[in-house]
Amino acid sequence: MKRIAIVAGLLSIVAGCTNASSNNTANTATQSNNQNGKLRSVGVTVGDLSNPFFVVMAKGAEKEARRIGGNDVRVTVVSSGYDLNQQFNQMENFVAADTDVIVLNAADSRAIRPAVDNARQAGKVVIAVDTGVDAEVDATVTTNNLQAGEVSCQYIADRLKGTGNVVIVNGPPVTSVIQRVDGCLKVLAKYPNIKILSKDQNAEGSRDGGLRVMSDILTTFPSIDAVFAINDPSGVGVDLAASQAKRKDFFIVGVDGAPEAIEAIKLKDSLYAATATQNPLGMTQKAVQVGNDILYGKKPTNPNILIPVKLITRDNVNTSKGWE
């Protein structure tokens, strides 16, 4: 409830990729609907506002929208809870409200396509953010998720000196998660003496999911050397499961650069060893900026915008700025 109150105080919240391409008819319709030359409204639907990562994303969208459109711009932020039907309704509500730019963090990269198609046919600019979608969006702004998986699991391979038992704690079926796991598997495939014990368990990108999945895995495998978690909330859940099971035989690498992961990495006796940090604020700021440009006929040179990651470890954690 505290998180909800905080988010509500900061944002206007209402209840209820393959690669990007453009649609000239849709964009022309949007421009004709917004003839005053000023951004009027932005709708943002993200995975889960109980995750601080998405709260920061929401702040980034609002900050950039205010910078472009002033205090009169309407910013609506909603959480899908990774519920596809709910996200469909949210997209429909954005269209019904004549929203200029829709920033979409998909609950399901493939299944969300009809909602994207409907929005763009209605003349709305749709920017996929954080994860790509299998639909024709106007642009996509994501972390280089393949790189995130690669640098994370290269760290694991290097620390294990090419030998050991590894668990991958997977997540929702969205492009960003799939790419992180693909990047990890690509690296670990180079090391024949590294055995992957589990790679398909969906922890739903949450602390509770990480706790649930890892608790089961710990009862199955008595010897684990390292865990790659597809995001920090699930990694924190893995850490909690290890604590409850009194297991200290492995280390954890996540993705996000979440504040609680950074704090855990700073502790000498923590299992959390590293995280491939993202820039959630910058991602949505860029998404709104690009969306507004497209709204007025200025298309990006490359509609697929990748933001690089940086691996934070105990060696450099004290110099990391983290999320802004």
C-alpha atoms as a PDB file:
ATOM      1  CA  MET A   1       0.000   0.000   0.000  1.00  0.00           C
ATOM      2  CA  LYS A   2       2.912   2.364   0.690  1.00  0.00           C
ATOM      3  CA  ARG A   3       4.269   1.770  -2.812  1.00  0.00           C
ATOM      4  CA  ILE A   4       0.876   2.523  -4.319  1.00  0.00           C
ATOM      5  CA  ALA A   5       0.581   5.725  -2.340  1.00  0.00           C
ATOM      6  CA  ILE A   6       4.051   6.837  -3.365  1.00  0.00           C
ATOM      7  CA  VAL A   7       3.454   6.149  -7.025  1.00  0.00           C
ATOM      8  CA  ALA A   8       0.079   7.827  -6.954  1.00  0.00           C
ATOM      9  CA  GLY A   9       1.624  10.896  -5.444  1.00  0.00           C
ATOM     10  CA  LEU A  10       4.193  11.094  -8.199  1.00  0.00           C
ATOM     11  CA  LEU A  11       2.136  10.123 -11.201  1.00  0.00           C
ATOM     12  CA  SER A  12      -1.356  10.172 -12.588  1.00  0.00           C
ATOM     13  CA  ILE A  13      -2.316   6.528 -12.214  1.00  0.00           C
ATOM     14  CA  VAL A  14      -5.671   5.169 -13.312  1.00  0.00           C
ATOM     15  CA  ALA A  15      -7.255   1.833 -12.561  1.00  0.00           C
ATOM     16  CA  GLY A  16      -8.832   0.392 -15.001  1.00  0.00           C
ATOM     17  CA  CYS A  17       9.409  -6.314 -30.384  1.00  0.00           C
ATOM     18  CA  THR A  18       9.869  -7.996 -33.542  1.00  0.00           C
ATOM     19  CA  ASN A  19      11.516  -4.810 -34.620  1.00  0.00           C
ATOM     20  CA  ALA A  20       9.855  -1.472 -34.953  1.00  0.00           C
ATOM     21  CA  SER A  21       8.425  -0.074 -38.164  1.00  0.00           C
ATOM     22  CA  SER A  22       6.364   2.955 -39.083  1.00  0.00           C
ATOM     23  CA  ASN A  23       2.867   3.376 -40.415  1.00  0.00           C
ATOM     24  CA  ASN A  24       2.467   6.582 -42.367  1.00  0.00           C
ATOM     25  CA  THR A  25      -1.313   6.505 -42.331  1.00  0.00           C
ATOM     26  CA  ALA A  26      -1.436   6.053 -38.556  1.00  0.00           C
ATOM     27  CA  ASN A  27       1.104   8.804 -37.933  1.00  0.00           C
ATOM     28  CA  THR A  28      -0.684  11.203 -40.269  1.00  0.00           C
ATOM     29  CA  ALA A  29      -3.928  10.559 -38.423  1.00  0.00           C
ATOM     30  CA  THR A  30      -2.233  11.242 -35.114  1.00  0.00           C
ATOM     31  CA  GLN A  31      -0.771  14.504 -36.328  1.00  0.00           C
ATOM     32  CA  SER A  32      -4.173  15.657 -37.583  1.00  0.00           C
ATOM     33  CA  ASN A  33      -5.657  14.903 -34.167  1.00  0.00           C
ATOM     34  CA  ASN A  34      -3.030  17.058 -32.444  1.00  0.00           C
ATOM     35  CA  GLN A  35      -2.805  20.192 -34.521  1.00  0.00           C
ATOM     36  CA  ASN A  36      -1.692  22.548 -31.758  1.00  0.00           C
ATOM     37  CA  GLY A  37       1.893  21.343 -32.120  1.00  0.00           C
ATOM     38  CA  LYS A  38       2.259  20.340 -28.497  1.00  0.00           C
ATOM     39  CA  LEU A  39       2.409  16.993 -26.748  1.00  0.00           C
ATOM     40  CA  ARG A  40      -0.863  16.616 -24.873  1.00  0.00           C
ATOM     41  CA  SER A  41      -0.877  13.143 -23.403  1.00  0.00           C
ATOM     42  CA  VAL A  42       1.257  10.072 -22.747  1.00  0.00           C
ATOM     43  CA  GLY A  43       0.027   6.671 -21.610  1.00  0.00           C
ATOM     44  CA  VAL A  44       2.439   4.228 -19.994  1.00  0.00           C
ATOM     45  CA  THR A  45       1.700   0.581 -19.207  1.00  0.00           C
ATOM     46  CA  VAL A  46       4.427  -1.326 -17.352  1.00  0.00           C
ATOM     47  CA  GLY A  47       4.823  -4.791 -15.906  1.00  0.00           C
ATOM     48  CA  ASP A  48       4.547  -4.235 -12.183  1.00  0.00           C
ATOM     49  CA  LEU A  49       4.607  -0.987 -10.185  1.00  0.00           C
ATOM     50  CA  SER A  50       5.510  -2.906  -7.039  1.00  0.00           C
ATOM     51  CA  ASN A  51       8.917  -3.335  -8.685  1.00  0.00           C
ATOM     52  CA  PRO A  52      11.038  -0.185  -8.118  1.00  0.00           C
ATOM     53  CA  PHE A  53      12.482  -0.560 -11.612  1.00  0.00           C
ATOM     54  CA  PHE A  54       9.104   0.214 -13.161  1.00  0.00           C
ATOM     55  CA  VAL A  55       8.470   3.069 -10.740  1.00  0.00           C
ATOM     56  CA  VAL A  56      11.677   4.691 -12.004  1.00  0.00           C
ATOM     57  CA  MET A  57      10.572   4.029 -15.586  1.00  0.00           C
ATOM     58  CA  ALA A  58       7.297   5.789 -14.851  1.00  0.00           C
ATOM     59  CA  LYS A  59       9.185   8.773 -13.417  1.00  0.00           C
ATOM     60  CA  GLY A  60      11.310   8.957 -16.557  1.00  0.00           C
ATOM     61  CA  ALA A  61       8.262   9.066 -18.814  1.00  0.00           C
ATOM     62  CA  GLU A  62       6.600  11.753 -16.729  1.00  0.00           C
ATOM     63  CA  LYS A  63       9.782  13.836 -16.491  1.00  0.00           C
ATOM     64  CA  GLU A  64      10.320  13.872 -20.246  1.00  0.00           C
ATOM     65  CA  ALA A  65       6.638  14.464 -21.020  1.00  0.00           C
ATOM     66  CA  ARG A  66       6.627  17.524 -18.721  1.00  0.00           C
ATOM     67  CA  ARG A  67       9.841  18.781 -20.300  1.00  0.00           C
ATOM     68  CA  ILE A  68       8.323  18.568 -23.776  1.00  0.00           C
ATOM     69  CA  GLY A  69       4.701  19.443 -23.133  1.00  0.00           C
ATOM     70  CA  GLY A  70       4.785  21.449 -19.934  1.00  0.00           C
ATOM     71  CA  ASN A  71       2.681  20.972 -16.830  1.00  0.00           C
ATOM     72  CA  ASP A  72      -0.534  20.621 -18.819  1.00  0.00           C
ATOM     73  CA  VAL A  73       0.499  17.350 -20.435  1.00  0.00           C
ATOM     74  CA  ARG A  74      -1.513  14.373 -19.186  1.00  0.00           C
ATOM     75  CA  VAL A  75       0.592  11.396 -18.082  1.00  0.00           C
ATOM     76  CA  THR A  76      -1.212   8.199 -17.187  1.00  0.00           C
ATOM     77  CA  VAL A  77       0.763   5.286 -15.762  1.00  0.00           C
ATOM     78  CA  VAL A  78      -0.749   1.863 -15.156  1.00  0.00           C
ATOM     79  CA  SER A  79       0.548  -1.539 -14.106  1.00  0.00           C
ATOM     80  CA  SER A  80      -0.468  -4.637 -16.054  1.00  0.00           C
ATOM     81  CA  GLY A  81       0.711  -7.005 -13.344  1.00  0.00           C
ATOM     82  CA  TYR A  82       1.891  -9.126 -16.308  1.00  0.00           C
ATOM     83  CA  ASP A  83      -1.790  -9.831 -16.979  1.00  0.00           C
ATOM     84  CA  LEU A  84      -2.327  -9.813 -20.749  1.00  0.00           C
ATOM     85  CA  ASN A  85      -6.070  -9.153 -20.584  1.00  0.00           C
ATOM     86  CA  GLN A  86      -5.522  -6.234 -18.255  1.00  0.00           C
ATOM     87  CA  GLN A  87      -2.927  -4.760 -20.573  1.00  0.00           C
ATOM     88  CA  PHE A  88      -5.319  -5.123 -23.518  1.00  0.00           C
ATOM     89  CA  ASN A  89      -7.870  -3.089 -21.576  1.00  0.00           C
ATOM     90  CA  GLN A  90      -5.261  -0.480 -20.699  1.00  0.00           C
ATOM     91  CA  MET A  91      -4.285  -0.082 -24.339  1.00  0.00           C
ATOM     92  CA  GLU A  92      -7.953   0.287 -25.298  1.00  0.00           C
ATOM     93  CA  ASN A  93      -8.396   2.916 -22.601  1.00  0.00           C
ATOM     94  CA  PHE A  94      -5.420   4.885 -23.922  1.00  0.00           C
ATOM     95  CA  VAL A  95      -6.941   4.862 -27.410  1.00  0.00           C
ATOM     96  CA  ALA A  96     -10.365   5.856 -26.090  1.00  0.00           C
ATOM     97  CA  ALA A  97      -8.769   8.743 -24.190  1.00  0.00           C
ATOM     98  CA  ASP A  98      -7.131   9.977 -27.424  1.00  0.00           C
ATOM     99  CA  THR A  99      -3.631   9.532 -26.005  1.00  0.00           C
ATOM    100  CA  ASP A 100      -0.884  10.924 -28.234  1.00  0.00           C
ATOM    101  CA  VAL A 101       1.966   8.548 -27.345  1.00  0.00           C
ATOM    102  CA  ILE A 102       1.646   5.093 -25.793  1.00  0.00           C
ATOM    103  CA  VAL A 103       4.724   3.675 -24.049  1.00  0.00           C
ATOM    104  CA  LEU A 104       4.338  -0.091 -23.853  1.00  0.00           C
ATOM    105  CA  ASN A 105       6.228  -2.492 -21.617  1.00  0.00           C
ATOM    106  CA  ALA A 106       4.620  -5.681 -22.892  1.00  0.00           C
ATOM    107  CA  ALA A 107       3.244  -8.348 -20.597  1.00  0.00           C
ATOM    108  CA  ASP A 108       3.629 -10.840 -23.454  1.00  0.00           C
ATOM    109  CA  SER A 109       5.738  -9.903 -26.468  1.00  0.00           C
ATOM    110  CA  ARG A 110       3.732 -11.934 -28.970  1.00  0.00           C
ATOM    111  CA  ALA A 111       0.207 -11.974 -27.608  1.00  0.00           C
ATOM    112  CA  ILE A 112       0.028  -8.186 -27.212  1.00  0.00           C
ATOM    113  CA  ARG A 113       0.138  -7.736 -31.002  1.00  0.00           C
ATOM    114  CA  PRO A 114      -3.626  -7.216 -31.607  1.00  0.00           C
ATOM    115  CA  ALA A 115      -3.698  -4.410 -29.026  1.00  0.00           C
ATOM    116  CA  VAL A 116      -0.712  -2.742 -30.684  1.00  0.00           C
ATOM    117  CA  ASP A 117      -2.281  -3.099 -34.137  1.00  0.00           C
ATOM    118  CA  ASN A 118      -5.539  -1.565 -32.914  1.00  0.00           C
ATOM    119  CA  ALA A 119      -3.771   1.381 -31.309  1.00  0.00           C
ATOM    120  CA  ARG A 120      -1.731   2.172 -34.393  1.00  0.00           C
ATOM    121  CA  GLN A 121      -4.746   1.801 -36.684  1.00  0.00           C
ATOM    122  CA  ALA A 122      -6.394   4.414 -34.483  1.00  0.00           C
ATOM    123  CA  GLY A 123      -3.474   6.741 -35.260  1.00  0.00           C
ATOM    124  CA  LYS A 124      -1.576   6.409 -31.988  1.00  0.00           C
ATOM    125  CA  VAL A 125       2.197   6.380 -31.720  1.00  0.00           C
ATOM    126  CA  VAL A 126       3.298   3.220 -29.883  1.00  0.00           C
ATOM    127  CA  ILE A 127       6.804   2.924 -28.473  1.00  0.00           C
ATOM    128  CA  ALA A 128       7.861  -0.446 -27.055  1.00  0.00           C
ATOM    129  CA  VAL A 129      10.139   0.003 -24.061  1.00  0.00           C
ATOM    130  CA  ASP A 130      12.331  -2.357 -22.023  1.00  0.00           C
ATOM    131  CA  THR A 131      11.180  -5.321 -24.128  1.00  0.00           C
ATOM    132  CA  GLY A 132      10.466  -5.688 -27.816  1.00  0.00           C
ATOM    133  CA  VAL A 133       7.133  -6.841 -29.204  1.00  0.00           C
ATOM    134  CA  ASP A 134       6.191  -9.035 -32.140  1.00  0.00           C
ATOM    135  CA  ALA A 135       4.221  -6.243 -33.791  1.00  0.00           C
ATOM    136  CA  GLU A 136       4.706  -3.147 -35.904  1.00  0.00           C
ATOM    137  CA  VAL A 137       5.455  -0.449 -33.389  1.00  0.00           C
ATOM    138  CA  ASP A 138       6.809   2.990 -34.217  1.00  0.00           C
ATOM    139  CA  ALA A 139      10.056   2.435 -32.331  1.00  0.00           C
ATOM    140  CA  THR A 140      11.620   0.249 -29.663  1.00  0.00           C
ATOM    141  CA  VAL A 141      13.827   1.440 -26.792  1.00  0.00           C
ATOM    142  CA  THR A 142      15.417  -1.318 -24.765  1.00  0.00           C
ATOM    143  CA  THR A 143      18.460  -2.264 -22.807  1.00  0.00           C
ATOM    144  CA  ASN A 144      20.858  -4.365 -24.835  1.00  0.00           C
ATOM    145  CA  ASN A 145      19.433  -7.454 -23.167  1.00  0.00           C
ATOM    146  CA  LEU A 146      21.566  -9.922 -25.099  1.00  0.00           C
ATOM    147  CA  GLN A 147      24.596  -8.058 -23.797  1.00  0.00           C
ATOM    148  CA  ALA A 148      23.165  -8.161 -20.255  1.00  0.00           C
ATOM    149  CA  GLY A 149      22.980 -11.946 -20.386  1.00  0.00           C
ATOM    150  CA  GLU A 150      26.417 -12.215 -21.952  1.00  0.00           C
ATOM    151  CA  VAL A 151      28.308 -10.031 -19.449  1.00  0.00           C
ATOM    152  CA  SER A 152      26.488 -11.614 -16.500  1.00  0.00           C
ATOM    153  CA  CYS A 153      27.279 -15.170 -17.485  1.00  0.00           C
ATOM    154  CA  GLN A 154      30.799 -14.350 -18.607  1.00  0.00           C
ATOM    155  CA  TYR A 155      31.353 -13.152 -15.053  1.00  0.00           C
ATOM    156  CA  ILE A 156      29.945 -16.458 -13.808  1.00  0.00           C
ATOM    157  CA  ALA A 157      32.155 -18.503 -16.143  1.00  0.00           C
ATOM    158  CA  ASP A 158      35.256 -16.508 -15.240  1.00  0.00           C
ATOM    159  CA  ARG A 159      34.650 -16.751 -11.503  1.00  0.00           C
ATOM    160  CA  LEU A 160      34.032 -20.510 -11.771  1.00  0.00           C
ATOM    161  CA  LYS A 161      37.129 -20.872 -13.954  1.00  0.00           C
ATOM    162  CA  GLY A 162      35.004 -22.698 -16.516  1.00  0.00           C
ATOM    163  CA  THR A 163      33.780 -25.487 -14.229  1.00  0.00           C
ATOM    164  CA  GLY A 164      30.662 -25.804 -12.079  1.00  0.00           C
ATOM    165  CA  ASN A 165      26.903 -26.184 -11.726  1.00  0.00           C
ATOM    166  CA  VAL A 166      24.765 -23.220 -12.790  1.00  0.00           C
ATOM    167  CA  VAL A 167      21.067 -22.437 -12.381  1.00  0.00           C
ATOM    168  CA  ILE A 168      19.212 -19.934 -14.561  1.00  0.00           C
ATOM    169  CA  VAL A 169      16.145 -18.467 -12.860  1.00  0.00           C
ATOM    170  CA  ASN A 170      13.952 -17.552 -15.830  1.00  0.00           C
ATOM    171  CA  GLY A 171      11.040 -15.112 -16.133  1.00  0.00           C
ATOM    172  CA  PRO A 172       7.987 -13.989 -18.125  1.00  0.00           C
ATOM    173  CA  PRO A 173       7.840 -14.850 -21.864  1.00  0.00           C
ATOM    174  CA  VAL A 174       8.888 -11.420 -23.101  1.00  0.00           C
ATOM    175  CA  THR A 175      11.660 -10.542 -25.518  1.00  0.00           C
ATOM    176  CA  SER A 176      13.905  -8.891 -22.925  1.00  0.00           C
ATOM    177  CA  VAL A 177      13.946 -12.001 -20.737  1.00  0.00           C
ATOM    178  CA  ILE A 178      14.389 -14.351 -23.693  1.00  0.00           C
ATOM    179  CA  GLN A 179      17.354 -12.309 -24.930  1.00  0.00           C
ATOM    180  CA  ARG A 180      19.012 -12.264 -21.511  1.00  0.00           C
ATOM    181  CA  VAL A 181      18.757 -16.028 -21.238  1.00  0.00           C
ATOM    182  CA  ASP A 182      19.956 -16.446 -24.838  1.00  0.00           C
ATOM    183  CA  GLY A 183      22.976 -14.250 -24.084  1.00  0.00           C
ATOM    184  CA  CYS A 184      23.754 -16.285 -20.996  1.00  0.00           C
ATOM    185  CA  LEU A 185      23.415 -19.619 -22.797  1.00  0.00           C
ATOM    186  CA  LYS A 186      25.582 -18.360 -25.667  1.00  0.00           C
ATOM    187  CA  VAL A 187      28.440 -17.662 -23.255  1.00  0.00           C
ATOM    188  CA  LEU A 188      28.075 -20.788 -21.125  1.00  0.00           C
ATOM    189  CA  ALA A 189      28.008 -22.985 -24.241  1.00  0.00           C
ATOM    190  CA  LYS A 190      31.718 -22.205 -24.627  1.00  0.00           C
ATOM    191  CA  TYR A 191      32.479 -24.020 -21.373  1.00  0.00           C
ATOM    192  CA  PRO A 192      31.862 -27.784 -21.580  1.00  0.00           C
ATOM    193  CA  ASN A 193      32.595 -28.236 -17.879  1.00  0.00           C
ATOM    194  CA  ILE A 194      29.803 -25.901 -16.836  1.00  0.00           C
ATOM    195  CA  LYS A 195      26.554 -27.802 -16.308  1.00  0.00           C
ATOM    196  CA  ILE A 196      23.218 -26.001 -16.410  1.00  0.00           C
ATOM    197  CA  LEU A 197      21.007 -27.672 -13.824  1.00  0.00           C
ATOM    198  CA  SER A 198      17.821 -25.678 -14.525  1.00  0.00           C
ATOM    199  CA  LYS A 199      16.942 -22.967 -17.046  1.00  0.00           C
ATOM    200  CA  ASP A 200      13.170 -22.989 -17.640  1.00  0.00           C
ATOM    201  CA  GLN A 201      11.615 -22.169 -14.258  1.00  0.00           C
ATOM    202  CA  ASN A 202       9.574 -18.935 -14.494  1.00  0.00           C
ATOM    203  CA  ALA A 203       9.991 -16.836 -11.360  1.00  0.00           C
ATOM    204  CA  GLU A 204       7.726 -14.145 -12.888  1.00  0.00           C
ATOM    205  CA  GLY A 205      10.367 -11.465 -12.372  1.00  0.00           C
ATOM    206  CA  SER A 206       9.413 -11.061  -8.710  1.00  0.00           C
ATOM    207  CA  ARG A 207      10.910 -11.584  -5.276  1.00  0.00           C
ATOM    208  CA  ASP A 208       8.152 -14.030  -4.332  1.00  0.00           C
ATOM    209  CA  GLY A 209       8.667 -15.902  -7.583  1.00  0.00           C
ATOM    210  CA  GLY A 210      12.416 -16.097  -7.053  1.00  0.00           C
ATOM    211  CA  LEU A 211      11.847 -17.418  -3.526  1.00  0.00           C
ATOM    212  CA  ARG A 212       9.353 -20.029  -4.746  1.00  0.00           C
ATOM    213  CA  VAL A 213      11.388 -21.261  -7.712  1.00  0.00           C
ATOM    214  CA  MET A 214      14.713 -21.327  -5.888  1.00  0.00           C
ATOM    215  CA  SER A 215      13.256 -23.089  -2.862  1.00  0.00           C
ATOM    216  CA  ASP A 216      12.193 -25.926  -5.150  1.00  0.00           C
ATOM    217  CA  ILE A 217      15.527 -25.979  -6.958  1.00  0.00           C
ATOM    218  CA  LEU A 218      17.455 -26.124  -3.680  1.00  0.00           C
ATOM    219  CA  THR A 219      15.581 -29.263  -2.637  1.00  0.00           C
ATOM    220  CA  THR A 220      16.413 -30.876  -5.994  1.00  0.00           C
ATOM    221  CA  PHE A 221      20.092 -30.006  -6.381  1.00  0.00           C
ATOM    222  CA  PRO A 222      22.489 -30.422  -3.453  1.00  0.00           C
ATOM    223  CA  SER A 223      25.394 -28.756  -5.251  1.00  0.00           C
ATOM    224  CA  ILE A 224      25.020 -25.370  -6.988  1.00  0.00           C
ATOM    225  CA  ASP A 225      27.881 -23.012  -7.770  1.00  0.00           C
ATOM    226  CA  ALA A 226      26.182 -20.003  -9.360  1.00  0.00           C
ATOM    227  CA  VAL A 227      22.737 -18.599 -10.194  1.00  0.00           C
ATOM    228  CA  PHE A 228      21.856 -16.231 -13.019  1.00  0.00           C
ATOM    229  CA  ALA A 229      18.573 -14.436 -12.263  1.00  0.00           C
ATOM    230  CA  ILE A 230      16.930 -12.582 -15.159  1.00  0.00           C
ATOM    231  CA  ASN A 231      16.274  -9.564 -12.920  1.00  0.00           C
ATOM    232  CA  ASP A 232      17.184  -8.337  -9.476  1.00  0.00           C
ATOM    233  CA  PRO A 233      13.811  -8.856  -7.756  1.00  0.00           C
ATOM    234  CA  SER A 234      13.914 -12.562  -8.599  1.00  0.00           C
ATOM    235  CA  GLY A 235      17.597 -12.593  -7.630  1.00  0.00           C
ATOM    236  CA  VAL A 236      16.725 -11.147  -4.229  1.00  0.00           C
ATOM    237  CA  GLY A 237      14.136 -13.931  -3.911  1.00  0.00           C
ATOM    238  CA  VAL A 238      16.861 -16.458  -4.702  1.00  0.00           C
ATOM    239  CA  ASP A 239      18.998 -14.918  -1.960  1.00  0.00           C
ATOM    240  CA  LEU A 240      16.111 -15.213   0.493  1.00  0.00           C
ATOM    241  CA  ALA A 241      15.555 -18.863  -0.424  1.00  0.00           C
ATOM    242  CA  ALA A 242      19.226 -19.582   0.177  1.00  0.00           C
ATOM    243  CA  SER A 243      19.061 -17.880   3.552  1.00  0.00           C
ATOM    244  CA  GLN A 244      16.017 -19.901   4.590  1.00  0.00           C
ATOM    245  CA  ALA A 245      17.665 -23.135   3.451  1.00  0.00           C
ATOM    246  CA  LYS A 246      20.966 -22.166   5.082  1.00  0.00           C
ATOM    247  CA  ARG A 247      22.762 -22.616   1.767  1.00  0.00           C
ATOM    248  CA  LYS A 248      25.916 -20.621   1.018  1.00  0.00           C
ATOM    249  CA  ASP A 249      27.477 -22.780  -1.673  1.00  0.00           C
ATOM    250  CA  PHE A 250      26.731 -20.454  -4.629  1.00  0.00           C
ATOM    251  CA  PHE A 251      26.743 -16.824  -5.730  1.00  0.00           C
ATOM    252  CA  ILE A 252      24.047 -14.817  -7.553  1.00  0.00           C
ATOM    253  CA  VAL A 253      24.227 -12.555 -10.597  1.00  0.00           C
ATOM    254  CA  GLY A 254      21.178 -10.534 -11.640  1.00  0.00           C
ATOM    255  CA  VAL A 255      20.109  -7.854 -14.093  1.00  0.00           C
ATOM    256  CA  ASP A 256      18.753  -4.339 -13.384  1.00  0.00           C
ATOM    257  CA  GLY A 257      21.102  -2.577 -10.994  1.00  0.00           C
ATOM    258  CA  ALA A 258      18.286  -2.352  -8.452  1.00  0.00           C
ATOM    259  CA  PRO A 259      19.128  -0.464  -5.241  1.00  0.00           C
ATOM    260  CA  GLU A 260      18.636  -3.498  -3.003  1.00  0.00           C
ATOM    261  CA  ALA A 261      20.922  -5.568  -5.239  1.00  0.00           C
ATOM    262  CA  ILE A 262      23.573  -2.840  -5.104  1.00  0.00           C
ATOM    263  CA  GLU A 263      23.362  -2.784  -1.303  1.00  0.00           C
ATOM    264  CA  ALA A 264      23.620  -6.580  -1.182  1.00  0.00           C
ATOM    265  CA  ILE A 265      26.706  -6.570  -3.407  1.00  0.00           C
ATOM    266  CA  LYS A 266      28.397  -4.156  -0.985  1.00  0.00           C
ATOM    267  CA  LEU A 267      28.099  -6.676   1.870  1.00  0.00           C
ATOM    268  CA  LYS A 268      31.156  -8.913   2.194  1.00  0.00           C
ATOM    269  CA  ASP A 269      29.200 -12.005   3.245  1.00  0.00           C
ATOM    270  CA  SER A 270      26.382 -11.600   0.678  1.00  0.00           C
ATOM    271  CA  LEU A 271      25.665 -14.224  -1.978  1.00  0.00           C
ATOM    272  CA  TYR A 272      24.814 -11.414  -4.396  1.00  0.00           C
ATOM    273  CA  ALA A 273      27.949 -10.933  -6.494  1.00  0.00           C
ATOM    274  CA  ALA A 274      27.004  -8.820  -9.515  1.00  0.00           C
ATOM    275  CA  THR A 275      24.231  -7.176 -11.528  1.00  0.00           C
ATOM    276  CA  ALA A 276      24.121  -5.924 -15.105  1.00  0.00           C
ATOM    277  CA  THR A 277      22.672  -2.487 -14.547  1.00  0.00           C
ATOM    278  CA  GLN A 278      20.048  -0.882 -16.748  1.00  0.00           C
ATOM    279  CA  ASN A 279      18.910   2.733 -17.097  1.00  0.00           C
ATOM    280  CA  PRO A 280      15.134   2.686 -16.503  1.00  0.00           C
ATOM    281  CA  LEU A 281      14.872   6.468 -16.240  1.00  0.00           C
ATOM    282  CA  GLY A 282      16.765   7.039 -19.472  1.00  0.00           C
ATOM    283  CA  MET A 283      14.833   4.355 -21.329  1.00  0.00           C
ATOM    284  CA  THR A 284      11.434   5.951 -20.870  1.00  0.00           C
ATOM    285  CA  GLN A 285      12.788   9.471 -21.310  1.00  0.00           C
ATOM    286  CA  LYS A 286      14.124   8.363 -24.688  1.00  0.00           C
ATOM    287  CA  ALA A 287      10.847   6.590 -25.495  1.00  0.00           C
ATOM    288  CA  VAL A 288       8.769   9.716 -24.883  1.00  0.00           C
ATOM    289  CA  GLN A 289      11.244  11.894 -26.781  1.00  0.00           C
ATOM    290  CA  VAL A 290      11.218   9.571 -29.810  1.00  0.00           C
ATOM    291  CA  GLY A 291       7.440   9.200 -29.598  1.00  0.00           C
ATOM    292  CA  ASN A 292       6.966  12.960 -29.673  1.00  0.00           C
ATOM    293  CA  ASP A 293       9.358  13.296 -32.608  1.00  0.00           C
ATOM    294  CA  ILE A 294       7.426  10.655 -34.554  1.00  0.00           C
ATOM    295  CA  LEU A 295       4.170  12.378 -33.647  1.00  0.00           C
ATOM    296  CA  TYR A 296       5.352  15.386 -35.630  1.00  0.00           C
ATOM    297  CA  GLY A 297       6.909  13.524 -38.527  1.00  0.00           C
ATOM    298  CA  LYS A 298      10.519  13.183 -37.357  1.00  0.00           C
ATOM    299  CA  LYS A 299      11.392   9.498 -37.525  1.00  0.00           C
ATOM    300  CA  PRO A 300      14.529   8.150 -35.836  1.00  0.00           C
ATOM    301  CA  THR A 301      17.368   7.048 -38.098  1.00  0.00           C
ATOM    302  CA  ASN A 302      17.189   3.641 -36.448  1.00  0.00           C
ATOM    303  CA  PRO A 303      13.854   2.764 -34.791  1.00  0.00           C
ATOM    304  CA  ASN A 304      15.524   0.075 -32.670  1.00  0.00           C
ATOM    305  CA  ILE A 305      17.404   1.883 -29.923  1.00  0.00           C
ATOM    306  CA  LEU A 306      19.658  -0.175 -27.647  1.00  0.00           C
ATOM    307  CA  ILE A 307      21.010   1.145 -24.361  1.00  0.00           C
ATOM    308  CA  PRO A 308      24.244  -0.584 -23.213  1.00  0.00           C
ATOM    309  CA  VAL A 309      24.643  -2.208 -19.808  1.00  0.00           C
ATOM    310  CA  LYS A 310      27.440  -2.113 -17.264  1.00  0.00           C
ATOM    311  CA  LEU A 311      28.285  -4.960 -14.922  1.00  0.00           C
ATOM    312  CA  ILE A 312      28.444  -3.911 -11.288  1.00  0.00           C
ATOM    313  CA  THR A 313      30.518  -6.137  -9.024  1.00  0.00           C
ATOM    314  CA  ARG A 314      32.073  -5.799  -5.606  1.00  0.00           C
ATOM    315  CA  ASP A 315      35.123  -4.288  -7.286  1.00  0.00           C
ATOM    316  CA  ASN A 316      33.291  -1.267  -8.732  1.00  0.00           C
ATOM    317  CA  VAL A 317      30.087  -1.042  -6.712  1.00  0.00           C
ATOM    318  CA  ASN A 318      31.245   1.968  -4.700  1.00  0.00           C
ATOM    319  CA  THR A 319      31.731   4.006  -7.866  1.00  0.00           C
ATOM    320  CA  SER A 320      28.387   3.113  -9.414  1.00  0.00           C
ATOM    321  CA  LYS A 321      25.781   5.858  -9.672  1.00  0.00           C
ATOM    322  CA  GLY A 322      22.904   3.373  -9.882  1.00  0.00           C
ATOM    323  CA  TRP A 323      19.475   4.542 -11.015  1.00  0.00           C
ATOM    324  CA  GLU A 324      18.892   8.274 -11.119  1.00  0.00           C
END
